Protein backbone atom coordinates (compact mmCIF):
# COMPACT_ATOMS: atom_id res chain seq x y z
CA MET A 1 -36.72 -18.62 -20.47
CA LYS A 2 -34.23 -21.18 -19.18
CA THR A 3 -30.66 -21.46 -20.29
CA PRO A 4 -30.65 -23.38 -23.59
CA ASP A 5 -29.55 -27.00 -23.59
CA LEU A 6 -27.13 -27.06 -26.55
CA LEU A 7 -27.85 -30.71 -27.21
CA HIS A 8 -31.62 -30.32 -27.32
CA ASP A 9 -32.67 -26.64 -27.67
CA VAL A 10 -30.68 -25.82 -30.85
CA SER A 11 -32.71 -25.57 -34.02
CA GLY A 12 -29.61 -25.11 -36.21
CA TRP A 13 -26.21 -23.48 -36.45
CA HIS A 14 -24.63 -20.59 -38.34
CA ALA A 15 -21.02 -20.35 -39.44
CA HIS A 16 -19.91 -16.90 -40.54
CA VAL A 17 -16.85 -16.89 -42.74
CA TYR A 18 -14.96 -13.60 -42.39
CA TYR A 19 -12.92 -12.11 -45.19
CA ASP A 20 -11.76 -8.81 -46.68
CA ALA A 21 -10.81 -7.56 -50.08
CA GLU A 22 -7.47 -9.41 -50.01
CA THR A 23 -8.88 -12.69 -48.78
CA ARG A 24 -12.13 -12.74 -50.81
CA PRO A 25 -10.69 -15.23 -53.36
CA GLN A 26 -9.93 -17.67 -50.51
CA ALA A 27 -13.41 -17.14 -49.09
CA SER A 28 -14.90 -17.85 -52.53
CA GLU A 29 -12.88 -21.03 -52.87
CA LEU A 30 -13.96 -22.16 -49.42
CA ARG A 31 -17.60 -21.32 -50.20
CA GLU A 32 -17.55 -23.44 -53.35
CA ALA A 33 -16.04 -26.38 -51.39
CA ILE A 34 -18.66 -26.04 -48.67
CA GLU A 35 -21.47 -26.09 -51.21
CA GLU A 36 -19.98 -29.11 -52.99
CA ASN A 37 -19.55 -31.15 -49.82
CA PHE A 38 -22.47 -30.27 -47.55
CA ASP A 39 -26.26 -29.84 -47.63
CA ILE A 40 -26.40 -26.33 -46.21
CA THR A 41 -28.08 -22.99 -46.87
CA MET A 42 -25.60 -20.37 -48.02
CA GLY A 43 -26.04 -16.68 -47.35
CA ARG A 44 -24.91 -13.95 -49.68
CA TYR A 45 -21.59 -12.18 -49.64
CA ARG A 46 -21.63 -9.16 -47.36
CA ASP A 47 -18.76 -6.97 -48.49
CA ARG A 48 -19.12 -4.74 -45.44
CA PRO A 49 -19.66 -5.35 -41.73
CA VAL A 50 -23.35 -6.27 -41.10
CA GLY A 51 -25.13 -6.74 -37.80
CA PRO A 52 -22.81 -7.95 -35.06
CA HIS A 53 -20.09 -9.00 -37.54
CA PRO A 54 -17.04 -6.67 -37.55
CA MET A 55 -15.81 -7.82 -40.97
CA TRP A 56 -17.10 -8.76 -44.33
CA SER A 57 -18.70 -12.22 -44.19
CA TYR A 58 -21.10 -14.76 -45.55
CA GLN A 59 -23.27 -17.09 -43.60
CA VAL A 60 -23.49 -20.84 -43.75
CA ALA A 61 -26.69 -22.21 -42.12
CA PHE A 62 -26.74 -25.88 -41.19
CA THR A 63 -28.64 -28.44 -39.14
CA PRO A 64 -27.48 -29.78 -35.75
CA GLU A 65 -26.86 -33.15 -37.38
CA LEU A 66 -24.14 -31.61 -39.61
CA PHE A 67 -22.25 -29.99 -36.71
CA PRO A 68 -19.87 -32.96 -35.95
CA THR A 69 -18.87 -33.16 -39.61
CA LEU A 70 -18.99 -29.57 -40.86
CA VAL A 71 -17.25 -27.75 -38.01
CA PRO A 72 -14.17 -29.97 -37.98
CA TRP A 73 -14.10 -29.77 -41.80
CA LEU A 74 -14.19 -25.97 -41.60
CA ALA A 75 -11.35 -26.00 -39.03
CA GLN A 76 -9.23 -27.99 -41.48
CA HIS A 77 -10.16 -26.15 -44.69
CA ARG A 78 -10.60 -22.51 -43.66
CA GLN A 79 -7.23 -21.53 -45.24
CA GLY A 80 -6.42 -19.07 -42.48
CA LEU A 81 -9.81 -17.35 -42.62
CA ILE A 82 -11.66 -16.58 -39.42
CA VAL A 83 -14.91 -18.46 -38.90
CA LEU A 84 -17.47 -17.75 -36.20
CA VAL A 85 -19.81 -20.64 -35.40
CA HIS A 86 -22.83 -20.20 -33.11
CA PRO A 87 -26.02 -22.06 -32.27
CA LEU A 88 -29.57 -20.96 -33.01
CA THR A 89 -31.44 -21.15 -29.74
CA GLY A 90 -33.94 -18.34 -30.32
CA ASN A 91 -31.83 -15.83 -28.38
CA ASP A 92 -29.52 -13.91 -30.70
CA LEU A 93 -27.62 -12.10 -27.94
CA ILE A 94 -26.80 -15.22 -25.97
CA ASP A 95 -26.01 -17.21 -29.12
CA HIS A 96 -23.39 -14.64 -30.21
CA ARG A 97 -22.13 -13.56 -26.77
CA ASP A 98 -22.16 -16.76 -24.66
CA TYR A 99 -21.87 -19.61 -27.16
CA PRO A 100 -19.50 -18.52 -29.98
CA ILE A 101 -16.93 -20.96 -31.32
CA TRP A 102 -14.00 -19.25 -33.06
CA LEU A 103 -12.00 -20.99 -35.73
CA GLY A 104 -8.99 -18.70 -36.01
CA GLU A 105 -8.63 -15.34 -34.27
CA HIS A 106 -11.35 -13.97 -31.98
CA ARG A 107 -13.01 -10.77 -33.13
CA ASP A 108 -15.11 -8.47 -30.96
CA LEU A 109 -18.71 -8.50 -32.09
CA ASN A 110 -21.06 -5.55 -32.04
CA LEU A 111 -23.76 -6.88 -29.73
CA ASP A 112 -25.57 -3.58 -29.17
CA ASN A 113 -28.56 -4.42 -31.43
CA LEU A 114 -28.99 -8.05 -30.41
CA VAL A 115 -31.85 -8.79 -28.02
CA ASP A 116 -31.70 -11.08 -24.96
CA THR A 117 -35.05 -12.89 -24.96
CA SER A 118 -34.24 -15.01 -21.90
CA GLY A 119 -36.04 -12.68 -19.47
CA ASP A 120 -33.01 -12.89 -17.12
CA PRO A 121 -31.65 -9.61 -15.82
CA ALA A 122 -28.24 -8.81 -17.26
């Protein structure tokens, strides 16, 4: 599999809003604002680290067409929360490891269980 072309090989995007017990009210407020302002698919609250995510989070799934509107909006409205944005290219490892966009502080992800489907040797 070739390296994805982020303008053409992306089927969608995920934004993962990170929070903890103290910042959950901010995360809830942000979630409501996202749902009011954008045509997205919202994931459930995960009040524990799940998959590669080192903190509590919820997922926001959106189309490539929304990227130039939603991502800057998140940058301006995240209220100090950390948000990870990554493309959906069909390769979970590369999407999280090579193409993350961090709004706020960077967090180390647990990539151990993500699969590289590119066929390229690591």
